[in-house]
C-alpha atoms as a PDB file:
ATOM      1  CA  UNK A   1      98.908 225.796  67.536  1.00  0.00           C
ATOM      2  CA  UNK A   2     101.820 227.578  69.112  1.00  0.00           C
ATOM      3  CA  UNK A   3     105.179 226.269  67.965  1.00  0.00           C
ATOM      4  CA  UNK A   4     107.620 226.403  70.856  1.00  0.00           C
ATOM      5  CA  UNK A   5     111.407 226.271  70.722  1.00  0.00           C
ATOM      6  CA  UNK A   6     113.194 225.623  74.006  1.00  0.00           C
ATOM      7  CA  UNK A   7     116.945 226.152  74.192  1.00  0.00           C
ATOM      8  CA  UNK A   8     118.962 224.812  77.110  1.00  0.00           C
ATOM      9  CA  UNK A   9     122.565 224.496  78.150  1.00  0.00           C
ATOM     10  CA  UNK A  10     123.616 220.863  77.783  1.00  0.00           C
ATOM     11  CA  UNK A  11     123.715 218.662  80.867  1.00  0.00           C
ATOM     12  CA  UNK A  12     120.156 218.027  81.996  1.00  0.00           C
ATOM     13  CA  UNK A  13     118.719 214.542  82.426  1.00  0.00           C
ATOM     14  CA  UNK A  14     116.066 213.449  79.873  1.00  0.00           C
ATOM     15  CA  UNK A  15     113.322 213.444  82.511  1.00  0.00           C
ATOM     16  CA  UNK A  16     114.218 217.021  83.499  1.00  0.00           C
ATOM     17  CA  UNK A  17     114.069 218.123  79.870  1.00  0.00           C
ATOM     18  CA  UNK A  18     110.638 216.510  79.503  1.00  0.00           C
ATOM     19  CA  UNK A  19     109.446 218.185  82.719  1.00  0.00           C
ATOM     20  CA  UNK A  20     110.568 221.593  81.390  1.00  0.00           C
ATOM     21  CA  UNK A  21     108.755 220.985  78.103  1.00  0.00           C
ATOM     22  CA  UNK A  22     105.631 219.804  79.943  1.00  0.00           C
ATOM     23  CA  UNK A  23     105.703 222.854  82.218  1.00  0.00           C
ATOM     24  CA  UNK A  24     106.024 225.289  79.314  1.00  0.00           C
ATOM     25  CA  UNK A  25     103.200 223.551  77.477  1.00  0.00           C
ATOM     26  CA  UNK A  26     100.932 223.551  80.533  1.00  0.00           C
ATOM     27  CA  UNK A  27     101.429 227.293  80.993  1.00  0.00           C
ATOM     28  CA  UNK A  28     100.472 227.931  77.371  1.00  0.00           C
ATOM     29  CA  UNK A  29      97.447 225.615  77.602  1.00  0.00           C
ATOM     30  CA  UNK A  30      96.294 227.330  80.800  1.00  0.00           C
ATOM     31  CA  UNK A  31      96.616 230.896  79.529  1.00  0.00           C
ATOM     32  CA  UNK A  32      95.829 230.573  75.827  1.00  0.00           C
ATOM     33  CA  UNK A  33      93.149 227.887  76.316  1.00  0.00           C
ATOM     34  CA  UNK A  34      94.539 225.698  73.534  1.00  0.00           C
ATOM     35  CA  UNK A  35      93.863 221.947  73.372  1.00  0.00           C
ATOM     36  CA  UNK A  36      96.348 219.670  75.176  1.00  0.00           C
ATOM     37  CA  UNK A  37      97.242 217.902  71.904  1.00  0.00           C
ATOM     38  CA  UNK A  38      97.964 221.203  70.173  1.00  0.00           C
ATOM     39  CA  UNK A  39     101.609 220.698  71.068  1.00  0.00           C
ATOM     40  CA  UNK A  40     104.581 221.445  68.842  1.00  0.00           C
ATOM     41  CA  UNK A  41     107.916 221.773  70.630  1.00  0.00           C
ATOM     42  CA  UNK A  42     111.560 221.483  69.698  1.00  0.00           C
ATOM     43  CA  UNK A  43     114.112 221.271  72.502  1.00  0.00           C
ATOM     44  CA  UNK A  44     117.734 222.003  71.649  1.00  0.00           C
ATOM     45  CA  UNK A  45     120.706 221.640  73.968  1.00  0.00           C
ATOM     46  CA  UNK A  46     123.819 223.736  73.489  1.00  0.00           C
ATOM     47  CA  UNK A  47     127.327 223.742  74.909  1.00  0.00           C
ATOM     48  CA  UNK A  48     127.609 226.471  77.555  1.00  0.00           C
ATOM     49  CA  UNK A  49     129.974 228.531  75.429  1.00  0.00           C
ATOM     50  CA  UNK A  50     127.418 228.538  72.594  1.00  0.00           C
ATOM     51  CA  UNK A  51     124.815 230.448  74.601  1.00  0.00           C
ATOM     52  CA  UNK A  52     125.151 234.120  75.425  1.00  0.00           C
ATOM     53  CA  UNK A  53     122.260 235.525  77.435  1.00  0.00           C
ATOM     54  CA  UNK A  54     122.991 238.653  79.413  1.00  0.00           C
ATOM     55  CA  UNK A  55     120.486 240.669  81.449  1.00  0.00           C
ATOM     56  CA  UNK A  56     119.702 243.572  79.041  1.00  0.00           C
ATOM     57  CA  UNK A  57     121.083 245.885  81.755  1.00  0.00           C
ATOM     58  CA  UNK A  58     118.618 244.757  84.441  1.00  0.00           C
ATOM     59  CA  UNK A  59     121.318 243.906  86.981  1.00  0.00           C
ATOM     60  CA  UNK A  60     121.130 240.148  87.474  1.00  0.00           C
ATOM     61  CA  UNK A  61     123.256 237.133  86.560  1.00  0.00           C
ATOM     62  CA  UNK A  62     122.071 234.040  84.737  1.00  0.00           C
ATOM     63  CA  UNK A  63     123.290 230.506  85.486  1.00  0.00           C
ATOM     64  CA  UNK A  64     123.721 227.302  83.521  1.00  0.00           C
ATOM     65  CA  UNK A  65     120.065 226.524  84.409  1.00  0.00           C
ATOM     66  CA  UNK A  66     119.021 229.047  81.731  1.00  0.00           C
ATOM     67  CA  UNK A  67     115.852 228.222  79.777  1.00  0.00           C
ATOM     68  CA  UNK A  68     115.190 230.233  76.613  1.00  0.00           C
ATOM     69  CA  UNK A  69     111.708 229.834  75.135  1.00  0.00           C
ATOM     70  CA  UNK A  70     110.443 231.173  71.820  1.00  0.00           C
ATOM     71  CA  UNK A  71     106.709 230.941  71.193  1.00  0.00           C
ATOM     72  CA  UNK A  72     105.491 231.313  67.621  1.00  0.00           C
ATOM     73  CA  UNK A  73     101.726 231.864  67.531  1.00  0.00           C
ATOM     74  CA  UNK A  74      98.859 233.527  65.700  1.00  0.00           C
ATOM     75  CA  UNK A  75      98.651 237.307  65.962  1.00  0.00           C
ATOM     76  CA  UNK A  76      95.974 238.927  68.047  1.00  0.00           C
ATOM     77  CA  UNK A  77      96.811 238.275  71.685  1.00  0.00           C
ATOM     78  CA  UNK A  78      96.766 241.298  73.962  1.00  0.00           C
ATOM     79  CA  UNK A  79      99.723 242.597  75.911  1.00  0.00           C
ATOM     80  CA  UNK A  80      97.982 241.447  79.085  1.00  0.00           C
ATOM     81  CA  UNK A  81      97.613 237.891  77.783  1.00  0.00           C
ATOM     82  CA  UNK A  82     101.293 237.826  76.793  1.00  0.00           C
ATOM     83  CA  UNK A  83     102.226 238.987  80.283  1.00  0.00           C
ATOM     84  CA  UNK A  84     100.072 236.184  81.691  1.00  0.00           C
ATOM     85  CA  UNK A  85     101.966 233.682  79.519  1.00  0.00           C
ATOM     86  CA  UNK A  86     105.314 234.978  80.825  1.00  0.00           C
ATOM     87  CA  UNK A  87     104.123 234.755  84.446  1.00  0.00           C
ATOM     88  CA  UNK A  88     102.575 231.295  83.986  1.00  0.00           C
ATOM     89  CA  UNK A  89     105.774 229.907  82.466  1.00  0.00           C
ATOM     90  CA  UNK A  90     107.829 231.273  85.366  1.00  0.00           C
ATOM     91  CA  UNK A  91     105.359 229.806  87.856  1.00  0.00           C
ATOM     92  CA  UNK A  92     105.439 226.378  86.151  1.00  0.00           C
ATOM     93  CA  UNK A  93     109.255 226.333  85.973  1.00  0.00           C
ATOM     94  CA  UNK A  94     109.880 227.426  89.570  1.00  0.00           C
ATOM     95  CA  UNK A  95     109.110 224.002  91.139  1.00  0.00           C
ATOM     96  CA  UNK A  96     111.655 222.509  88.711  1.00  0.00           C
ATOM     97  CA  UNK A  97     114.393 224.644  90.245  1.00  0.00           C
ATOM     98  CA  UNK A  98     114.492 227.272  87.506  1.00  0.00           C
ATOM     99  CA  UNK A  99     114.924 230.719  89.038  1.00  0.00           C
ATOM    100  CA  UNK A 100     113.293 233.767  87.496  1.00  0.00           C
ATOM    101  CA  UNK A 101     116.595 235.194  86.287  1.00  0.00           C
ATOM    102  CA  UNK A 102     117.150 232.018  84.253  1.00  0.00           C
ATOM    103  CA  UNK A 103     113.913 232.309  82.266  1.00  0.00           C
ATOM    104  CA  UNK A 104     113.932 234.159  78.939  1.00  0.00           C
ATOM    105  CA  UNK A 105     110.715 234.088  76.877  1.00  0.00           C
ATOM    106  CA  UNK A 106     109.864 235.671  73.552  1.00  0.00           C
ATOM    107  CA  UNK A 107     106.551 235.605  71.696  1.00  0.00           C
ATOM    108  CA  UNK A 108     106.559 235.942  67.921  1.00  0.00           C
ATOM    109  CA  UNK A 109     103.240 236.442  66.149  1.00  0.00           C
ATOM    110  CA  UNK A 110     102.267 235.648  62.586  1.00  0.00           C
ATOM    111  CA  UNK A 111      99.104 234.879  60.602  1.00  0.00           C
ATOM    112  CA  UNK A 112      97.097 231.866  59.448  1.00  0.00           C
ATOM    113  CA  UNK A 113      98.793 232.003  56.052  1.00  0.00           C
ATOM    114  CA  UNK A 114     102.128 231.200  57.756  1.00  0.00           C
ATOM    115  CA  UNK A 115     101.266 227.657  58.898  1.00  0.00           C
ATOM    116  CA  UNK A 116     101.267 224.214  57.297  1.00  0.00           C
ATOM    117  CA  UNK A 117     100.617 221.203  59.532  1.00  0.00           C
ATOM    118  CA  UNK A 118     101.479 218.686  56.841  1.00  0.00           C
ATOM    119  CA  UNK A 119     100.991 217.550  53.267  1.00  0.00           C
ATOM    120  CA  UNK A 120     102.220 220.881  51.901  1.00  0.00           C
ATOM    121  CA  UNK A 121      98.872 222.497  52.613  1.00  0.00           C
ATOM    122  CA  UNK A 122      97.851 225.625  54.519  1.00  0.00           C
ATOM    123  CA  UNK A 123      95.128 224.105  56.710  1.00  0.00           C
ATOM    124  CA  UNK A 124      93.971 227.393  58.245  1.00  0.00           C
ATOM    125  CA  UNK A 125      93.614 229.068  54.846  1.00  0.00           C
ATOM    126  CA  UNK A 126      92.000 225.993  53.260  1.00  0.00           C
ATOM    127  CA  UNK A 127      89.452 225.693  56.077  1.00  0.00           C
ATOM    128  CA  UNK A 128      90.598 222.386  57.587  1.00  0.00           C
ATOM    129  CA  UNK A 129      91.338 224.158  60.872  1.00  0.00           C
ATOM    130  CA  UNK A 130      89.537 227.052  62.512  1.00  0.00           C
ATOM    131  CA  UNK A 131      91.706 230.128  62.835  1.00  0.00           C
ATOM    132  CA  UNK A 132      92.213 230.755  66.574  1.00  0.00           C
ATOM    133  CA  UNK A 133      90.309 233.769  67.847  1.00  0.00           C
ATOM    134  CA  UNK A 134      87.991 233.997  64.839  1.00  0.00           C
END
């Protein structure tokens, strides 16, 4: 059920983009124990001068290999689980040549009333889908 937005600086090959998306999804599947087909991702490429991502004062430099990931998901996950998601994403992206300083991840939580999977209906609220964690 997580909805994932992945923002990249333009210039990667299509197979590299797919590998990044697959890696992010696998990390979320592994940690959050969601079904493989529970996959909703949007990948957007930007010109380099349209992305500003500094280090929040942590003392490192980012490169044009930057991967910014936003995860929208149901509320209720612990801080520890969120930390596991961050670590799993970094671990999955490392073999693809993405260094730790080039990984930015944010998790945004909401509730079952905030989702419609189609037909203008709220499937969690209407009982068509089980609310995760309940």
